[in-house]
Every structure is written in structure tokens, then in C-alpha cells.
């Protein structure tokens, strides 16, 4: 396996970043939000027309779709979190604000769900870096120069030296009041990579995740379909360069509105 971190010169990378960065500024993201909204509405319509039936959540290897699948999986395991996020969204809407990406960025629990999902199920599970010619020392181990080093984010996410209660899905982990207690080594969190080679499309991915989850949770309750087990879903996961979720079958129903 190779990556741009080991094959592309820094000068070439910086030039590509300079060209592509304007495509992900805040103004452009707002235009993307309008375009993506059409497809989100199509998804809501399809789910609404299939209420009560088993729906197979797309197990695509595309990173945003995969992250959404993992988020739905974890939320279905903890229905109280669905209710809590919905209350957070309802409070935002009741204050007269729209459920736009700009406004959703301020919601601690919704963003905590997304951040925690990407901690446990990093969309690109391996960080790769090339050691300098002289090599480097990690702890008491010398790694030779010009060696590709792999950092398995999936494994790091489950390490108690990095996170307290590491295997557990805890969206509150990322709230300002808890982060110092539950996150022991913040630099280990890198679902979009880190440094100059980080993902230039991060703002687009987060916008898509926030707005899609907000629309789904506002409108639907969801649970596992009969026979669906967490063991089967996780056993079906695969990791190449990106992660492939297992098969996830769920049942959606419209949220009952008061009055």
C-alpha cells in the first residue's frame, strides 16, 4: 500500500493544496449544502415511503457514507441518544434558527456523535508517514530512515492509554467539560489525517454528516431490524485504505409530533 504521504513531494502537494483549498471555503460549502439538500430530501422521501419495512443502510466504502452508517449503528444501540440529539435539534429550531450547517456546528451532542463515530470507526484507518533519512526514535525503538510507518487508528481508538473507557461510544467525551477526563492523548484523534497532508475536504464531509444526521433524527426514529445484531455488523467490517461497514438492516418510523 502506498499513499501520497510516501510518493508525492511536499512541493507538489503544497501546490495542489493551494489550488484546491478555495473549493472548500465557507461560502462554497454553503452552495454545496444547497445541492446536497436535494439528495437528502430524496433519501427522506424514500424512507418515508418505506416506513415500517426493513431498510438496508448502504454499506459503501465512500468515507462519508461509511461514517453515516456507523453513526446510525451506534445510535440504534443507544435509543436514548437519539432522543437527546432530537431535543438538542428541537431547541435550536424553537429558537428560530434553521438546521443549517452553520447553526449545527454549535450543537455539542450532535457533533459529539459525529466525532465519536469517527474515533471508533476512522474512515481511513491507517495513517502513513515516511521517516526522515536519519531515522527516528519512538520510545526505545529506532526506526530506520526512509521507512513507511503505519499508525492504525482503529486500534489506537480502543487503547486505554489514549482514551478513558476507550471501547465505549460516548459522544459526551468531546464536550469541553469532559474532554480532559476522557481524552488522554488528543493528538491520537486524526480521522482526517494531520499536518500538511490532512484532508482538504474535511469541511464538506462534516457539513454533509451534520445536516444529514440532523434531518434523519428530526424526522425518524430507527432501530435494528429483526435478526440484526451488532456482532454480525462488526464481523462484516473490512479495512483496505478506507473502511467498509458491515451489512446494516434497520427499521425507520416517523417521529410522532405533539398536537
C-alpha atoms as a PDB file:
ATOM      1  CA  UNK A   1       0.000   0.000   0.000  1.00  0.00           C
ATOM      2  CA  UNK A   2       1.260   3.469  -0.876  1.00  0.00           C
ATOM      3  CA  UNK A   3      -0.119   6.921  -0.215  1.00  0.00           C
ATOM      4  CA  UNK A   4       0.531  10.475  -1.234  1.00  0.00           C
ATOM      5  CA  UNK A   5       2.485  10.941   2.000  1.00  0.00           C
ATOM      6  CA  UNK A   6       5.087   8.495   0.715  1.00  0.00           C
ATOM      7  CA  UNK A   7       5.014   9.184  -3.034  1.00  0.00           C
ATOM      8  CA  UNK A   8       4.269  12.884  -3.581  1.00  0.00           C
ATOM      9  CA  UNK A   9       6.827  15.586  -2.978  1.00  0.00           C
ATOM     10  CA  UNK A  10       5.937  18.230  -0.423  1.00  0.00           C
ATOM     11  CA  UNK A  11       6.260  20.988  -3.036  1.00  0.00           C
ATOM     12  CA  UNK A  12       3.853  19.209  -5.388  1.00  0.00           C
ATOM     13  CA  UNK A  13       1.421  18.595  -2.560  1.00  0.00           C
ATOM     14  CA  UNK A  14       1.504  22.221  -1.387  1.00  0.00           C
ATOM     15  CA  UNK A  15       0.775  23.395  -4.927  1.00  0.00           C
ATOM     16  CA  UNK A  16      -2.218  21.072  -5.219  1.00  0.00           C
ATOM     17  CA  UNK A  17      -3.457  22.213  -1.816  1.00  0.00           C
ATOM     18  CA  UNK A  18      -3.174  25.845  -2.911  1.00  0.00           C
ATOM     19  CA  UNK A  19      -5.316  25.115  -5.968  1.00  0.00           C
ATOM     20  CA  UNK A  20      -7.963  23.036  -4.195  1.00  0.00           C
ATOM     21  CA  UNK A  21      -8.369  24.904  -0.901  1.00  0.00           C
ATOM     22  CA  UNK A  22     -10.672  27.637  -2.302  1.00  0.00           C
ATOM     23  CA  UNK A  23     -13.142  24.903  -3.274  1.00  0.00           C
ATOM     24  CA  UNK A  24     -13.816  24.260   0.428  1.00  0.00           C
ATOM     25  CA  UNK A  25     -14.159  27.742   1.906  1.00  0.00           C
ATOM     26  CA  UNK A  26     -17.268  28.665   3.900  1.00  0.00           C
ATOM     27  CA  UNK A  27     -19.063  30.359   1.011  1.00  0.00           C
ATOM     28  CA  UNK A  28     -18.608  27.379  -1.295  1.00  0.00           C
ATOM     29  CA  UNK A  29     -19.648  24.971   1.457  1.00  0.00           C
ATOM     30  CA  UNK A  30     -22.966  26.834   1.706  1.00  0.00           C
ATOM     31  CA  UNK A  31     -23.546  26.263  -2.004  1.00  0.00           C
ATOM     32  CA  UNK A  32     -22.699  22.582  -1.610  1.00  0.00           C
ATOM     33  CA  UNK A  33     -25.191  22.422   1.248  1.00  0.00           C
ATOM     34  CA  UNK A  34     -27.994  23.541  -1.069  1.00  0.00           C
ATOM     35  CA  UNK A  35     -27.025  20.945  -3.669  1.00  0.00           C
ATOM     36  CA  UNK A  36     -26.690  18.109  -1.182  1.00  0.00           C
ATOM     37  CA  UNK A  37     -30.034  19.061   0.365  1.00  0.00           C
ATOM     38  CA  UNK A  38     -31.839  17.827  -2.748  1.00  0.00           C
ATOM     39  CA  UNK A  39     -30.391  14.362  -2.328  1.00  0.00           C
ATOM     40  CA  UNK A  40     -31.074  14.372   1.409  1.00  0.00           C
ATOM     41  CA  UNK A  41     -34.726  15.168   0.667  1.00  0.00           C
ATOM     42  CA  UNK A  42     -34.842  12.231  -1.751  1.00  0.00           C
ATOM     43  CA  UNK A  43     -33.491   9.972   0.994  1.00  0.00           C
ATOM     44  CA  UNK A  44     -36.125  11.199   3.464  1.00  0.00           C
ATOM     45  CA  UNK A  45     -38.876  10.606   0.916  1.00  0.00           C
ATOM     46  CA  UNK A  46     -37.706   7.070   0.205  1.00  0.00           C
ATOM     47  CA  UNK A  47     -37.574   6.248   3.922  1.00  0.00           C
ATOM     48  CA  UNK A  48     -40.998   7.808   4.473  1.00  0.00           C
ATOM     49  CA  UNK A  49     -42.471   5.667   1.684  1.00  0.00           C
ATOM     50  CA  UNK A  50     -40.974   2.547   3.261  1.00  0.00           C
ATOM     51  CA  UNK A  51     -41.975   3.158   6.876  1.00  0.00           C
ATOM     52  CA  UNK A  52     -42.042   0.008   8.981  1.00  0.00           C
ATOM     53  CA  UNK A  53     -40.216  -2.122   6.442  1.00  0.00           C
ATOM     54  CA  UNK A  54     -36.641  -3.270   6.672  1.00  0.00           C
ATOM     55  CA  UNK A  55     -34.208  -0.883   5.042  1.00  0.00           C
ATOM     56  CA  UNK A  56     -30.652  -1.850   4.175  1.00  0.00           C
ATOM     57  CA  UNK A  57     -28.331   1.011   5.001  1.00  0.00           C
ATOM     58  CA  UNK A  58     -25.827   1.464   2.193  1.00  0.00           C
ATOM     59  CA  UNK A  59     -22.529  -0.122   3.195  1.00  0.00           C
ATOM     60  CA  UNK A  60     -20.475   1.953   0.773  1.00  0.00           C
ATOM     61  CA  UNK A  61     -16.741   2.387   1.166  1.00  0.00           C
ATOM     62  CA  UNK A  62     -17.119   6.111   0.398  1.00  0.00           C
ATOM     63  CA  UNK A  63     -15.936   7.714   3.606  1.00  0.00           C
ATOM     64  CA  UNK A  64     -18.895   9.985   4.392  1.00  0.00           C
ATOM     65  CA  UNK A  65     -21.455   7.264   3.649  1.00  0.00           C
ATOM     66  CA  UNK A  66     -19.488   4.817   5.781  1.00  0.00           C
ATOM     67  CA  UNK A  67     -19.326   7.256   8.698  1.00  0.00           C
ATOM     68  CA  UNK A  68     -23.079   7.858   8.473  1.00  0.00           C
ATOM     69  CA  UNK A  69     -23.661   4.087   8.548  1.00  0.00           C
ATOM     70  CA  UNK A  70     -21.505   3.702  11.668  1.00  0.00           C
ATOM     71  CA  UNK A  71     -23.275   6.634  13.351  1.00  0.00           C
ATOM     72  CA  UNK A  72     -26.707   5.092  12.729  1.00  0.00           C
ATOM     73  CA  UNK A  73     -25.406   1.780  14.063  1.00  0.00           C
ATOM     74  CA  UNK A  74     -24.171   3.301  17.317  1.00  0.00           C
ATOM     75  CA  UNK A  75     -27.300   5.409  17.772  1.00  0.00           C
ATOM     76  CA  UNK A  76     -29.556   2.393  17.222  1.00  0.00           C
ATOM     77  CA  UNK A  77     -27.668   0.661  20.046  1.00  0.00           C
ATOM     78  CA  UNK A  78     -28.480   3.606  22.343  1.00  0.00           C
ATOM     79  CA  UNK A  79     -32.009   4.951  21.629  1.00  0.00           C
ATOM     80  CA  UNK A  80     -31.704   7.434  24.494  1.00  0.00           C
ATOM     81  CA  UNK A  81     -29.009   9.223  22.487  1.00  0.00           C
ATOM     82  CA  UNK A  82     -31.379   9.585  19.537  1.00  0.00           C
ATOM     83  CA  UNK A  83     -33.884  11.282  21.847  1.00  0.00           C
ATOM     84  CA  UNK A  84     -31.222  13.533  23.353  1.00  0.00           C
ATOM     85  CA  UNK A  85     -29.925  14.683  19.969  1.00  0.00           C
ATOM     86  CA  UNK A  86     -33.504  15.293  18.815  1.00  0.00           C
ATOM     87  CA  UNK A  87     -34.138  17.505  21.853  1.00  0.00           C
ATOM     88  CA  UNK A  88     -30.975  19.445  21.038  1.00  0.00           C
ATOM     89  CA  UNK A  89     -32.193  19.941  17.452  1.00  0.00           C
ATOM     90  CA  UNK A  90     -35.696  20.857  18.583  1.00  0.00           C
ATOM     91  CA  UNK A  91     -34.327  23.501  20.941  1.00  0.00           C
ATOM     92  CA  UNK A  92     -32.323  25.013  18.092  1.00  0.00           C
ATOM     93  CA  UNK A  93     -35.361  25.104  15.803  1.00  0.00           C
ATOM     94  CA  UNK A  94     -37.557  26.519  18.588  1.00  0.00           C
ATOM     95  CA  UNK A  95     -35.149  29.423  18.975  1.00  0.00           C
ATOM     96  CA  UNK A  96     -35.983  30.450  15.413  1.00  0.00           C
ATOM     97  CA  UNK A  97     -32.800  29.121  13.845  1.00  0.00           C
ATOM     98  CA  UNK A  98     -32.680  26.825  10.847  1.00  0.00           C
ATOM     99  CA  UNK A  99     -30.942  23.455  10.894  1.00  0.00           C
ATOM    100  CA  UNK A 100     -28.194  24.760   8.648  1.00  0.00           C
ATOM    101  CA  UNK A 101     -24.623  23.598   8.849  1.00  0.00           C
ATOM    102  CA  UNK A 102     -23.627  26.991  10.265  1.00  0.00           C
ATOM    103  CA  UNK A 103     -26.071  26.628  13.164  1.00  0.00           C
ATOM    104  CA  UNK A 104     -25.500  22.899  13.678  1.00  0.00           C
ATOM    105  CA  UNK A 105     -21.809  23.497  14.335  1.00  0.00           C
ATOM    106  CA  UNK A 106     -22.707  24.814  17.796  1.00  0.00           C
ATOM    107  CA  UNK A 107     -24.541  21.660  18.960  1.00  0.00           C
ATOM    108  CA  UNK A 108     -22.348  19.730  21.391  1.00  0.00           C
ATOM    109  CA  UNK A 109     -24.142  16.390  21.299  1.00  0.00           C
ATOM    110  CA  UNK A 110     -24.734  16.165  17.544  1.00  0.00           C
ATOM    111  CA  UNK A 111     -21.109  16.998  16.851  1.00  0.00           C
ATOM    112  CA  UNK A 112     -20.035  14.688  19.656  1.00  0.00           C
ATOM    113  CA  UNK A 113     -21.863  11.811  17.946  1.00  0.00           C
ATOM    114  CA  UNK A 114     -20.007  12.529  14.704  1.00  0.00           C
ATOM    115  CA  UNK A 115     -16.627  12.962  16.382  1.00  0.00           C
ATOM    116  CA  UNK A 116     -17.031   9.827  18.481  1.00  0.00           C
ATOM    117  CA  UNK A 117     -18.152   7.830  15.438  1.00  0.00           C
ATOM    118  CA  UNK A 118     -15.017   8.818  13.555  1.00  0.00           C
ATOM    119  CA  UNK A 119     -12.899   7.995  16.604  1.00  0.00           C
ATOM    120  CA  UNK A 120     -14.153   4.416  16.806  1.00  0.00           C
ATOM    121  CA  UNK A 121     -14.568   3.936  13.047  1.00  0.00           C
ATOM    122  CA  UNK A 122     -11.961   6.122  11.317  1.00  0.00           C
ATOM    123  CA  UNK A 123     -12.892   6.439   7.629  1.00  0.00           C
ATOM    124  CA  UNK A 124      -9.277   5.910   6.579  1.00  0.00           C
ATOM    125  CA  UNK A 125      -7.937   3.505   9.148  1.00  0.00           C
ATOM    126  CA  UNK A 126      -4.203   3.850   8.568  1.00  0.00           C
ATOM    127  CA  UNK A 127      -2.026   6.936   8.755  1.00  0.00           C
ATOM    128  CA  UNK A 128       1.184   6.565   6.792  1.00  0.00           C
ATOM    129  CA  UNK A 129       4.349   8.593   7.097  1.00  0.00           C
ATOM    130  CA  UNK A 130       7.880   8.225   5.760  1.00  0.00           C
ATOM    131  CA  UNK A 131      10.650   8.544   8.315  1.00  0.00           C
ATOM    132  CA  UNK A 132      13.452  11.056   7.631  1.00  0.00           C
ATOM    133  CA  UNK A 133      16.729   9.753   6.108  1.00  0.00           C
ATOM    134  CA  UNK A 134      18.406   9.640   9.509  1.00  0.00           C
ATOM    135  CA  UNK A 135      15.531   7.641  11.006  1.00  0.00           C
ATOM    136  CA  UNK A 136      13.827   8.414  14.308  1.00  0.00           C
ATOM    137  CA  UNK A 137      13.422   7.007  17.781  1.00  0.00           C
ATOM    138  CA  UNK A 138       9.996   6.058  19.149  1.00  0.00           C
ATOM    139  CA  UNK A 139      10.289   5.225  22.818  1.00  0.00           C
ATOM    140  CA  UNK A 140      13.342   2.995  22.929  1.00  0.00           C
ATOM    141  CA  UNK A 141      12.968   1.727  19.347  1.00  0.00           C
ATOM    142  CA  UNK A 142      14.991   3.133  16.454  1.00  0.00           C
ATOM    143  CA  UNK A 143      13.083   3.178  13.164  1.00  0.00           C
ATOM    144  CA  UNK A 144      15.421   3.271  10.129  1.00  0.00           C
ATOM    145  CA  UNK A 145      15.308   6.128   7.653  1.00  0.00           C
ATOM    146  CA  UNK A 146      13.053   6.130   4.578  1.00  0.00           C
ATOM    147  CA  UNK A 147      10.723   3.625   6.234  1.00  0.00           C
ATOM    148  CA  UNK A 148       6.954   3.824   5.836  1.00  0.00           C
ATOM    149  CA  UNK A 149       5.330   3.773   9.281  1.00  0.00           C
ATOM    150  CA  UNK A 150       1.673   2.826   9.662  1.00  0.00           C
ATOM    151  CA  UNK A 151      -0.454   4.120  12.531  1.00  0.00           C
ATOM    152  CA  UNK A 152      -3.632   2.001  12.938  1.00  0.00           C
ATOM    153  CA  UNK A 153      -6.258   4.500  14.093  1.00  0.00           C
ATOM    154  CA  UNK A 154      -8.857   1.789  14.742  1.00  0.00           C
ATOM    155  CA  UNK A 155      -6.547   0.125  17.250  1.00  0.00           C
ATOM    156  CA  UNK A 156      -5.426   3.404  18.814  1.00  0.00           C
ATOM    157  CA  UNK A 157      -9.073   4.351  19.396  1.00  0.00           C
ATOM    158  CA  UNK A 158      -9.500   1.331  21.632  1.00  0.00           C
ATOM    159  CA  UNK A 159      -6.353   1.893  23.683  1.00  0.00           C
ATOM    160  CA  UNK A 160      -6.915   2.846  27.317  1.00  0.00           C
ATOM    161  CA  UNK A 161      -3.613   4.728  27.299  1.00  0.00           C
ATOM    162  CA  UNK A 162      -5.170   7.109  24.775  1.00  0.00           C
ATOM    163  CA  UNK A 163      -8.839   7.280  25.852  1.00  0.00           C
ATOM    164  CA  UNK A 164     -10.636   6.551  29.105  1.00  0.00           C
ATOM    165  CA  UNK A 165     -13.279   3.852  28.608  1.00  0.00           C
ATOM    166  CA  UNK A 166     -11.859   3.565  25.110  1.00  0.00           C
ATOM    167  CA  UNK A 167     -14.123   0.870  23.551  1.00  0.00           C
ATOM    168  CA  UNK A 168     -17.340   2.632  24.590  1.00  0.00           C
ATOM    169  CA  UNK A 169     -19.278   5.018  22.354  1.00  0.00           C
ATOM    170  CA  UNK A 170     -19.505   8.196  24.453  1.00  0.00           C
ATOM    171  CA  UNK A 171     -20.367  11.359  22.483  1.00  0.00           C
ATOM    172  CA  UNK A 172     -20.035  13.433  25.661  1.00  0.00           C
ATOM    173  CA  UNK A 173     -16.328  12.581  25.537  1.00  0.00           C
ATOM    174  CA  UNK A 174     -15.806  15.639  23.320  1.00  0.00           C
ATOM    175  CA  UNK A 175     -17.678  18.258  25.318  1.00  0.00           C
ATOM    176  CA  UNK A 176     -15.368  20.909  26.817  1.00  0.00           C
ATOM    177  CA  UNK A 177     -16.232  19.811  30.352  1.00  0.00           C
ATOM    178  CA  UNK A 178     -15.305  16.162  29.733  1.00  0.00           C
ATOM    179  CA  UNK A 179     -12.544  16.156  27.147  1.00  0.00           C
ATOM    180  CA  UNK A 180      -9.713  16.441  29.673  1.00  0.00           C
ATOM    181  CA  UNK A 181     -11.114  13.461  31.623  1.00  0.00           C
ATOM    182  CA  UNK A 182     -11.990  11.131  28.765  1.00  0.00           C
ATOM    183  CA  UNK A 183      -9.345  12.013  26.165  1.00  0.00           C
ATOM    184  CA  UNK A 184      -5.865  11.315  27.469  1.00  0.00           C
ATOM    185  CA  UNK A 185      -3.962  11.966  24.227  1.00  0.00           C
ATOM    186  CA  UNK A 186      -5.817  14.350  21.930  1.00  0.00           C
ATOM    187  CA  UNK A 187      -3.219  14.121  19.167  1.00  0.00           C
ATOM    188  CA  UNK A 188      -4.199  10.482  18.589  1.00  0.00           C
ATOM    189  CA  UNK A 189      -7.513  11.622  17.100  1.00  0.00           C
ATOM    190  CA  UNK A 190      -6.876  12.046  13.382  1.00  0.00           C
ATOM    191  CA  UNK A 191      -9.731  10.739  11.184  1.00  0.00           C
ATOM    192  CA  UNK A 192      -8.886  13.374   8.566  1.00  0.00           C
ATOM    193  CA  UNK A 193      -5.143  12.815   8.968  1.00  0.00           C
ATOM    194  CA  UNK A 194      -2.978  15.549  10.469  1.00  0.00           C
ATOM    195  CA  UNK A 195      -0.387  18.072   9.432  1.00  0.00           C
ATOM    196  CA  UNK A 196       0.103  19.396   5.898  1.00  0.00           C
ATOM    197  CA  UNK A 197      -1.341  16.196   4.388  1.00  0.00           C
ATOM    198  CA  UNK A 198      -4.678  16.396   6.189  1.00  0.00           C
ATOM    199  CA  UNK A 199      -7.911  16.030   4.214  1.00  0.00           C
ATOM    200  CA  UNK A 200      -8.766  19.225   2.340  1.00  0.00           C
ATOM    201  CA  UNK A 201     -12.389  18.062   2.082  1.00  0.00           C
ATOM    202  CA  UNK A 202     -12.970  17.942   5.853  1.00  0.00           C
ATOM    203  CA  UNK A 203     -15.416  20.919   5.916  1.00  0.00           C
ATOM    204  CA  UNK A 204     -17.525  19.327   3.170  1.00  0.00           C
ATOM    205  CA  UNK A 205     -17.634  15.940   4.901  1.00  0.00           C
ATOM    206  CA  UNK A 206     -18.642  17.434   8.269  1.00  0.00           C
ATOM    207  CA  UNK A 207     -21.323  19.595   6.664  1.00  0.00           C
ATOM    208  CA  UNK A 208     -22.792  16.547   4.942  1.00  0.00           C
ATOM    209  CA  UNK A 209     -22.733  14.478   8.136  1.00  0.00           C
ATOM    210  CA  UNK A 210     -24.234  17.207  10.328  1.00  0.00           C
ATOM    211  CA  UNK A 211     -27.094  18.103   8.012  1.00  0.00           C
ATOM    212  CA  UNK A 212     -27.938  14.516   7.027  1.00  0.00           C
ATOM    213  CA  UNK A 213     -28.000  13.266  10.621  1.00  0.00           C
ATOM    214  CA  UNK A 214     -29.997  16.308  11.743  1.00  0.00           C
ATOM    215  CA  UNK A 215     -32.670  15.680   9.113  1.00  0.00           C
ATOM    216  CA  UNK A 216     -32.851  11.953   9.821  1.00  0.00           C
ATOM    217  CA  UNK A 217     -33.070  12.314  13.596  1.00  0.00           C
ATOM    218  CA  UNK A 218     -35.581  15.161  13.422  1.00  0.00           C
ATOM    219  CA  UNK A 219     -37.945  13.145  11.263  1.00  0.00           C
ATOM    220  CA  UNK A 220     -37.380   9.486  12.152  1.00  0.00           C
ATOM    221  CA  UNK A 221     -36.890   7.057  14.964  1.00  0.00           C
ATOM    222  CA  UNK A 222     -34.930   3.990  13.953  1.00  0.00           C
ATOM    223  CA  UNK A 223     -33.941   0.624  15.349  1.00  0.00           C
ATOM    224  CA  UNK A 224     -32.287  -2.585  14.256  1.00  0.00           C
ATOM    225  CA  UNK A 225     -34.389  -4.840  12.054  1.00  0.00           C
ATOM    226  CA  UNK A 226     -35.339  -8.243  13.403  1.00  0.00           C
ATOM    227  CA  UNK A 227     -32.310 -10.512  13.341  1.00  0.00           C
ATOM    228  CA  UNK A 228     -29.797  -7.683  13.001  1.00  0.00           C
ATOM    229  CA  UNK A 229     -27.020  -7.988  15.560  1.00  0.00           C
ATOM    230  CA  UNK A 230     -24.060  -5.843  16.386  1.00  0.00           C
ATOM    231  CA  UNK A 231     -21.824  -8.880  16.178  1.00  0.00           C
ATOM    232  CA  UNK A 232     -22.848  -9.539  12.568  1.00  0.00           C
ATOM    233  CA  UNK A 233     -22.390  -5.894  11.587  1.00  0.00           C
ATOM    234  CA  UNK A 234     -18.922  -5.620  13.089  1.00  0.00           C
ATOM    235  CA  UNK A 235     -17.868  -9.025  11.765  1.00  0.00           C
ATOM    236  CA  UNK A 236     -18.707  -7.769   8.276  1.00  0.00           C
ATOM    237  CA  UNK A 237     -16.436  -4.737   8.536  1.00  0.00           C
ATOM    238  CA  UNK A 238     -13.412  -4.606   6.249  1.00  0.00           C
ATOM    239  CA  UNK A 239     -10.486  -2.230   6.062  1.00  0.00           C
ATOM    240  CA  UNK A 240      -8.448  -1.595   2.956  1.00  0.00           C
ATOM    241  CA  UNK A 241      -7.372   2.010   2.573  1.00  0.00           C
ATOM    242  CA  UNK A 242     -10.859   3.060   3.703  1.00  0.00           C
ATOM    243  CA  UNK A 243     -13.272   1.148   5.919  1.00  0.00           C
ATOM    244  CA  UNK A 244     -16.178  -0.907   4.609  1.00  0.00           C
ATOM    245  CA  UNK A 245     -19.100  -1.181   7.064  1.00  0.00           C
ATOM    246  CA  UNK A 246     -20.847  -4.467   7.509  1.00  0.00           C
ATOM    247  CA  UNK A 247     -24.407  -5.040   6.351  1.00  0.00           C
ATOM    248  CA  UNK A 248     -26.858  -2.992   8.440  1.00  0.00           C
ATOM    249  CA  UNK A 249     -30.610  -3.578   8.351  1.00  0.00           C
ATOM    250  CA  UNK A 250     -32.824  -1.077  10.124  1.00  0.00           C
ATOM    251  CA  UNK A 251     -36.475  -0.093  10.506  1.00  0.00           C
ATOM    252  CA  UNK A 252     -37.481   3.575  10.391  1.00  0.00           C
ATOM    253  CA  UNK A 253     -40.699   5.191  11.591  1.00  0.00           C
ATOM    254  CA  UNK A 254     -41.905   8.767  11.568  1.00  0.00           C
ATOM    255  CA  UNK A 255     -41.465  10.700  14.789  1.00  0.00           C
ATOM    256  CA  UNK A 256     -44.796  11.344  16.454  1.00  0.00           C
ATOM    257  CA  UNK A 257     -45.496  15.051  16.608  1.00  0.00           C
ATOM    258  CA  UNK A 258     -47.254  16.615  19.563  1.00  0.00           C
ATOM    259  CA  UNK A 259     -50.585  18.168  18.813  1.00  0.00           C
END
